[in-house]
Amino acid sequence: MGRPRKYPPELLERGSRAVIESGRPIAQVARDLGVPPETLRRHVRQWEAEKGLRPDLPTAAEREEIKQLRKENYELRRANEILKAASVFFRDRARRRPAEVSAFIDAHRDRFGVEPICRILGVSESAYYQRRSGARSRRSVEDEQLLGAIQLLQSAQLVRVRGAADVAGAAPRGAPCWS
């Protein structure tokens, strides 16, 4: 298959004007200009659409809008499929634990990709990849330390410590707690 030849837009524009203004056949004008008739025919049709002479053909702006709408339609259909799959997966609870969300993403990543699923579900991609790598978040490590401190306080006080105010009041100075 040969490489398609490109013709200067000015030449095609001049040929289009010649066809429209003189009424000569496209094949004859194309032969005079040394351009394949099909190339000139396509350019004439597009030129007519741009000038409003052919309302049945879309203009360049309309073609661009159609392209954007098709892309948006594709994205919305994909988002709808992701949400359908997620509704089956998450049907018994409104909010799932991060590990369950990661399991859902792992199950559907080949079909939809990680980025669209995370965007639709409102999950951070970096958090997903961090969970997938096995690295624990700073918050989970801090929570574990605080839980240990609370349990220590409860065992030392022999009283049930509830809430932030009780923990802060029962903790010795300098002990890890929040206020």
C-alpha atoms as a PDB file:
ATOM      1  CA  MET A   1       0.000   0.000   0.000  1.00  0.00           C
ATOM      2  CA  GLY A   2       1.500   3.305  -1.057  1.00  0.00           C
ATOM      3  CA  ARG A   3       1.949   6.282   1.158  1.00  0.00           C
ATOM      4  CA  PRO A   4      -0.831   8.835   0.607  1.00  0.00           C
ATOM      5  CA  ARG A   5       0.355  12.039  -1.017  1.00  0.00           C
ATOM      6  CA  LYS A   6      -0.412  15.350   0.611  1.00  0.00           C
ATOM      7  CA  TYR A   7      -1.517  18.305  -1.457  1.00  0.00           C
ATOM      8  CA  PRO A   8      -1.211  21.924  -0.362  1.00  0.00           C
ATOM      9  CA  PRO A   9      -4.446  23.227   1.173  1.00  0.00           C
ATOM     10  CA  GLU A  10      -4.236  26.302  -1.040  1.00  0.00           C
ATOM     11  CA  LEU A  11      -4.335  24.092  -4.140  1.00  0.00           C
ATOM     12  CA  LEU A  12      -7.368  22.177  -2.861  1.00  0.00           C
ATOM     13  CA  GLU A  13      -9.054  25.442  -1.846  1.00  0.00           C
ATOM     14  CA  ARG A  14      -8.475  26.885  -5.311  1.00  0.00           C
ATOM     15  CA  GLY A  15      -9.838  23.689  -6.880  1.00  0.00           C
ATOM     16  CA  SER A  16     -12.921  23.801  -4.656  1.00  0.00           C
ATOM     17  CA  ARG A  17     -13.641  27.390  -5.622  1.00  0.00           C
ATOM     18  CA  ALA A  18     -13.162  26.524  -9.313  1.00  0.00           C
ATOM     19  CA  VAL A  19     -15.663  23.643  -9.079  1.00  0.00           C
ATOM     20  CA  ILE A  20     -18.271  25.744  -7.247  1.00  0.00           C
ATOM     21  CA  GLU A  21     -17.894  28.999  -9.187  1.00  0.00           C
ATOM     22  CA  SER A  22     -17.409  27.607 -12.712  1.00  0.00           C
ATOM     23  CA  GLY A  23     -19.714  24.615 -12.425  1.00  0.00           C
ATOM     24  CA  ARG A  24     -17.091  22.412 -14.106  1.00  0.00           C
ATOM     25  CA  PRO A  25     -17.019  18.725 -13.133  1.00  0.00           C
ATOM     26  CA  ILE A  26     -14.749  17.743 -10.247  1.00  0.00           C
ATOM     27  CA  ALA A  27     -12.867  15.227 -12.381  1.00  0.00           C
ATOM     28  CA  GLN A  28     -11.983  17.861 -14.979  1.00  0.00           C
ATOM     29  CA  VAL A  29     -10.759  20.415 -12.392  1.00  0.00           C
ATOM     30  CA  ALA A  30      -8.818  17.682 -10.581  1.00  0.00           C
ATOM     31  CA  ARG A  31      -7.125  16.665 -13.835  1.00  0.00           C
ATOM     32  CA  ASP A  32      -6.196  20.302 -14.565  1.00  0.00           C
ATOM     33  CA  LEU A  33      -4.652  20.687 -11.077  1.00  0.00           C
ATOM     34  CA  GLY A  34      -2.937  17.283 -11.079  1.00  0.00           C
ATOM     35  CA  VAL A  35      -4.903  16.080  -8.028  1.00  0.00           C
ATOM     36  CA  PRO A  36      -6.765  12.773  -7.713  1.00  0.00           C
ATOM     37  CA  PRO A  37     -10.505  13.363  -8.294  1.00  0.00           C
ATOM     38  CA  GLU A  38     -11.497  11.665  -5.017  1.00  0.00           C
ATOM     39  CA  THR A  39      -9.200  13.961  -3.011  1.00  0.00           C
ATOM     40  CA  LEU A  40     -10.707  17.044  -4.626  1.00  0.00           C
ATOM     41  CA  ARG A  41     -14.253  15.649  -4.265  1.00  0.00           C
ATOM     42  CA  ARG A  42     -13.775  15.188  -0.479  1.00  0.00           C
ATOM     43  CA  HIS A  43     -12.348  18.677  -0.156  1.00  0.00           C
ATOM     44  CA  VAL A  44     -15.186  20.196  -2.214  1.00  0.00           C
ATOM     45  CA  ARG A  45     -17.790  18.466  -0.032  1.00  0.00           C
ATOM     46  CA  GLN A  46     -16.099  19.729   3.132  1.00  0.00           C
ATOM     47  CA  TRP A  47     -15.733  23.224   1.665  1.00  0.00           C
ATOM     48  CA  GLU A  48     -19.443  23.232   0.813  1.00  0.00           C
ATOM     49  CA  ALA A  49     -20.302  22.149   4.354  1.00  0.00           C
ATOM     50  CA  GLU A  50     -18.126  24.886   5.865  1.00  0.00           C
ATOM     51  CA  LYS A  51     -19.706  27.561   3.637  1.00  0.00           C
ATOM     52  CA  GLY A  52     -23.237  26.332   4.451  1.00  0.00           C
ATOM     53  CA  LEU A  53     -23.970  25.133   0.927  1.00  0.00           C
ATOM     54  CA  ARG A  54     -24.497  21.522   2.098  1.00  0.00           C
ATOM     55  CA  PRO A  55     -26.601  21.393   5.280  1.00  0.00           C
ATOM     56  CA  ASP A  56     -26.589  17.579   5.136  1.00  0.00           C
ATOM     57  CA  LEU A  57     -22.814  17.485   5.831  1.00  0.00           C
ATOM     58  CA  PRO A  58     -21.330  18.394   9.230  1.00  0.00           C
ATOM     59  CA  THR A  59     -18.910  21.301   9.486  1.00  0.00           C
ATOM     60  CA  ALA A  60     -15.509  20.932  11.143  1.00  0.00           C
ATOM     61  CA  ALA A  61     -16.898  22.409  14.378  1.00  0.00           C
ATOM     62  CA  GLU A  62     -19.833  19.986  14.301  1.00  0.00           C
ATOM     63  CA  ARG A  63     -17.521  17.044  13.654  1.00  0.00           C
ATOM     64  CA  GLU A  64     -15.378  18.107  16.620  1.00  0.00           C
ATOM     65  CA  GLU A  65     -18.478  18.407  18.799  1.00  0.00           C
ATOM     66  CA  ILE A  66     -19.651  14.941  17.709  1.00  0.00           C
ATOM     67  CA  LYS A  67     -16.217  13.556  18.559  1.00  0.00           C
ATOM     68  CA  GLN A  68     -16.345  15.153  22.039  1.00  0.00           C
ATOM     69  CA  LEU A  69     -19.892  13.897  22.638  1.00  0.00           C
ATOM     70  CA  ARG A  70     -18.939  10.366  21.621  1.00  0.00           C
ATOM     71  CA  LYS A  71     -15.997  10.465  24.019  1.00  0.00           C
ATOM     72  CA  GLU A  72     -18.220  11.762  26.825  1.00  0.00           C
ATOM     73  CA  ASN A  73     -20.836   9.108  26.030  1.00  0.00           C
ATOM     74  CA  TYR A  74     -18.150   6.395  26.203  1.00  0.00           C
ATOM     75  CA  GLU A  75     -16.913   7.704  29.568  1.00  0.00           C
ATOM     76  CA  LEU A  76     -20.442   7.845  30.991  1.00  0.00           C
ATOM     77  CA  ARG A  77     -21.239   4.322  29.805  1.00  0.00           C
ATOM     78  CA  ARG A  78     -18.024   3.044  31.380  1.00  0.00           C
ATOM     79  CA  ALA A  79     -18.805   4.870  34.631  1.00  0.00           C
ATOM     80  CA  ASN A  80     -22.276   3.339  34.582  1.00  0.00           C
ATOM     81  CA  GLU A  81     -20.808  -0.165  34.154  1.00  0.00           C
ATOM     82  CA  ILE A  82     -18.378   0.439  37.028  1.00  0.00           C
ATOM     83  CA  LEU A  83     -21.194   1.646  39.274  1.00  0.00           C
ATOM     84  CA  LYS A  84     -23.351  -1.355  38.354  1.00  0.00           C
ATOM     85  CA  ALA A  85     -20.531  -3.722  39.274  1.00  0.00           C
ATOM     86  CA  ALA A  86     -19.860  -1.754  42.468  1.00  0.00           C
ATOM     87  CA  SER A  87     -23.533  -1.798  43.464  1.00  0.00           C
ATOM     88  CA  VAL A  88     -23.513  -5.597  43.345  1.00  0.00           C
ATOM     89  CA  PHE A  89     -20.258  -5.730  45.287  1.00  0.00           C
ATOM     90  CA  PHE A  90     -21.269  -3.126  47.891  1.00  0.00           C
ATOM     91  CA  ARG A  91     -25.000  -3.873  48.080  1.00  0.00           C
ATOM     92  CA  ASP A  92     -25.201  -4.745  51.787  1.00  0.00           C
ATOM     93  CA  ARG A  93     -23.253  -1.709  53.075  1.00  0.00           C
ATOM     94  CA  ALA A  94     -22.963   1.878  51.984  1.00  0.00           C
ATOM     95  CA  ARG A  95     -19.318   2.253  52.968  1.00  0.00           C
ATOM     96  CA  ARG A  96     -16.732  -0.495  52.659  1.00  0.00           C
ATOM     97  CA  ARG A  97     -13.387  -0.897  54.347  1.00  0.00           C
ATOM     98  CA  PRO A  98     -10.364   0.050  52.240  1.00  0.00           C
ATOM     99  CA  ALA A  99      -9.310  -3.600  51.948  1.00  0.00           C
ATOM    100  CA  GLU A 100     -12.718  -4.479  50.457  1.00  0.00           C
ATOM    101  CA  VAL A 101     -12.514  -1.571  48.003  1.00  0.00           C
ATOM    102  CA  SER A 102      -9.034  -2.772  47.005  1.00  0.00           C
ATOM    103  CA  ALA A 103     -10.420  -6.274  46.440  1.00  0.00           C
ATOM    104  CA  PHE A 104     -13.123  -4.802  44.184  1.00  0.00           C
ATOM    105  CA  ILE A 105     -10.531  -2.837  42.205  1.00  0.00           C
ATOM    106  CA  ASP A 106      -8.344  -5.952  41.865  1.00  0.00           C
ATOM    107  CA  ALA A 107     -11.329  -7.939  40.597  1.00  0.00           C
ATOM    108  CA  HIS A 108     -12.286  -5.354  37.950  1.00  0.00           C
ATOM    109  CA  ARG A 109      -8.980  -3.705  37.025  1.00  0.00           C
ATOM    110  CA  ASP A 110      -8.518  -5.743  33.831  1.00  0.00           C
ATOM    111  CA  ARG A 111     -11.948  -4.763  32.560  1.00  0.00           C
ATOM    112  CA  PHE A 112     -12.023  -1.055  33.471  1.00  0.00           C
ATOM    113  CA  GLY A 113      -8.541  -0.055  34.626  1.00  0.00           C
ATOM    114  CA  VAL A 114      -7.519   1.248  38.032  1.00  0.00           C
ATOM    115  CA  GLU A 115      -7.747   4.990  37.299  1.00  0.00           C
ATOM    116  CA  PRO A 116     -11.413   5.048  36.156  1.00  0.00           C
ATOM    117  CA  ILE A 117     -12.558   2.830  39.034  1.00  0.00           C
ATOM    118  CA  CYS A 118     -10.765   4.983  41.612  1.00  0.00           C
ATOM    119  CA  ARG A 119     -12.152   8.180  40.075  1.00  0.00           C
ATOM    120  CA  ILE A 120     -15.746   6.861  39.992  1.00  0.00           C
ATOM    121  CA  LEU A 121     -15.608   5.434  43.534  1.00  0.00           C
ATOM    122  CA  GLY A 122     -13.833   8.495  44.935  1.00  0.00           C
ATOM    123  CA  VAL A 123     -10.789   6.513  46.055  1.00  0.00           C
ATOM    124  CA  SER A 124      -7.233   7.757  45.871  1.00  0.00           C
ATOM    125  CA  GLU A 125      -5.133   5.800  43.370  1.00  0.00           C
ATOM    126  CA  SER A 126      -2.054   6.242  45.525  1.00  0.00           C
ATOM    127  CA  ALA A 127      -3.892   4.796  48.536  1.00  0.00           C
ATOM    128  CA  TYR A 128      -4.927   1.784  46.453  1.00  0.00           C
ATOM    129  CA  TYR A 129      -1.359   1.167  45.290  1.00  0.00           C
ATOM    130  CA  GLN A 130      -0.044   1.656  48.821  1.00  0.00           C
ATOM    131  CA  ARG A 131      -2.507  -0.945  50.154  1.00  0.00           C
ATOM    132  CA  ARG A 132      -1.603  -3.248  47.303  1.00  0.00           C
ATOM    133  CA  SER A 133       2.104  -3.005  48.127  1.00  0.00           C
ATOM    134  CA  GLY A 134       1.396  -4.018  51.723  1.00  0.00           C
ATOM    135  CA  ALA A 135       2.745  -0.799  53.240  1.00  0.00           C
ATOM    136  CA  ARG A 136       0.683   0.372  56.203  1.00  0.00           C
ATOM    137  CA  SER A 137      -0.569   3.920  56.342  1.00  0.00           C
ATOM    138  CA  ARG A 138       0.764   6.339  58.918  1.00  0.00           C
ATOM    139  CA  ARG A 139      -2.721   6.652  60.373  1.00  0.00           C
ATOM    140  CA  SER A 140      -3.129   2.911  60.934  1.00  0.00           C
ATOM    141  CA  VAL A 141       0.268   2.781  62.681  1.00  0.00           C
ATOM    142  CA  GLU A 142      -0.702   5.752  64.917  1.00  0.00           C
ATOM    143  CA  ASP A 143      -4.108   4.202  65.639  1.00  0.00           C
ATOM    144  CA  GLU A 144      -2.430   0.988  66.733  1.00  0.00           C
ATOM    145  CA  GLN A 145      -0.102   2.909  69.067  1.00  0.00           C
ATOM    146  CA  LEU A 146      -3.008   4.881  70.535  1.00  0.00           C
ATOM    147  CA  LEU A 147      -5.038   1.711  71.018  1.00  0.00           C
ATOM    148  CA  GLY A 148      -2.131   0.204  72.944  1.00  0.00           C
ATOM    149  CA  ALA A 149      -1.905   3.347  75.118  1.00  0.00           C
ATOM    150  CA  ILE A 150      -5.654   3.298  75.804  1.00  0.00           C
ATOM    151  CA  GLN A 151      -5.569  -0.380  76.739  1.00  0.00           C
ATOM    152  CA  LEU A 152      -2.634   0.299  79.053  1.00  0.00           C
ATOM    153  CA  LEU A 153      -4.548   3.117  80.713  1.00  0.00           C
ATOM    154  CA  GLN A 154      -7.637   0.976  81.124  1.00  0.00           C
ATOM    155  CA  SER A 155      -5.678  -1.850  82.745  1.00  0.00           C
ATOM    156  CA  ALA A 156      -3.780   0.544  85.051  1.00  0.00           C
ATOM    157  CA  GLN A 157      -6.839   2.561  86.102  1.00  0.00           C
ATOM    158  CA  LEU A 158      -9.089  -0.451  86.660  1.00  0.00           C
ATOM    159  CA  VAL A 159     -11.798   1.809  85.346  1.00  0.00           C
ATOM    160  CA  ARG A 160     -13.288   1.956  81.884  1.00  0.00           C
ATOM    161  CA  VAL A 161     -11.795   4.932  80.054  1.00  0.00           C
ATOM    162  CA  ARG A 162     -14.159   6.260  77.385  1.00  0.00           C
ATOM    163  CA  GLY A 163     -13.687   9.129  74.994  1.00  0.00           C
ATOM    164  CA  ALA A 164     -10.898  11.571  74.324  1.00  0.00           C
ATOM    165  CA  ALA A 165     -11.468  13.624  77.488  1.00  0.00           C
ATOM    166  CA  ASP A 166     -11.210  10.547  79.757  1.00  0.00           C
ATOM    167  CA  VAL A 167      -8.067   9.339  78.007  1.00  0.00           C
ATOM    168  CA  ALA A 168      -6.455  12.779  78.152  1.00  0.00           C
ATOM    169  CA  GLY A 169      -7.356  13.158  81.825  1.00  0.00           C
ATOM    170  CA  ALA A 170      -6.171   9.686  82.806  1.00  0.00           C
ATOM    171  CA  ALA A 171      -2.916   9.715  80.856  1.00  0.00           C
ATOM    172  CA  PRO A 172       0.251  10.770  82.660  1.00  0.00           C
ATOM    173  CA  ARG A 173       1.984  13.861  81.325  1.00  0.00           C
ATOM    174  CA  GLY A 174       3.994  13.159  78.192  1.00  0.00           C
ATOM    175  CA  ALA A 175       2.078   9.961  77.351  1.00  0.00           C
ATOM    176  CA  PRO A 176       0.958   9.665  73.718  1.00  0.00           C
ATOM    177  CA  CYS A 177      -2.657  10.798  73.485  1.00  0.00           C
ATOM    178  CA  TRP A 178      -4.702  13.434  71.795  1.00  0.00           C
ATOM    179  CA  SER A 179      -6.561  16.388  73.207  1.00  0.00           C
END
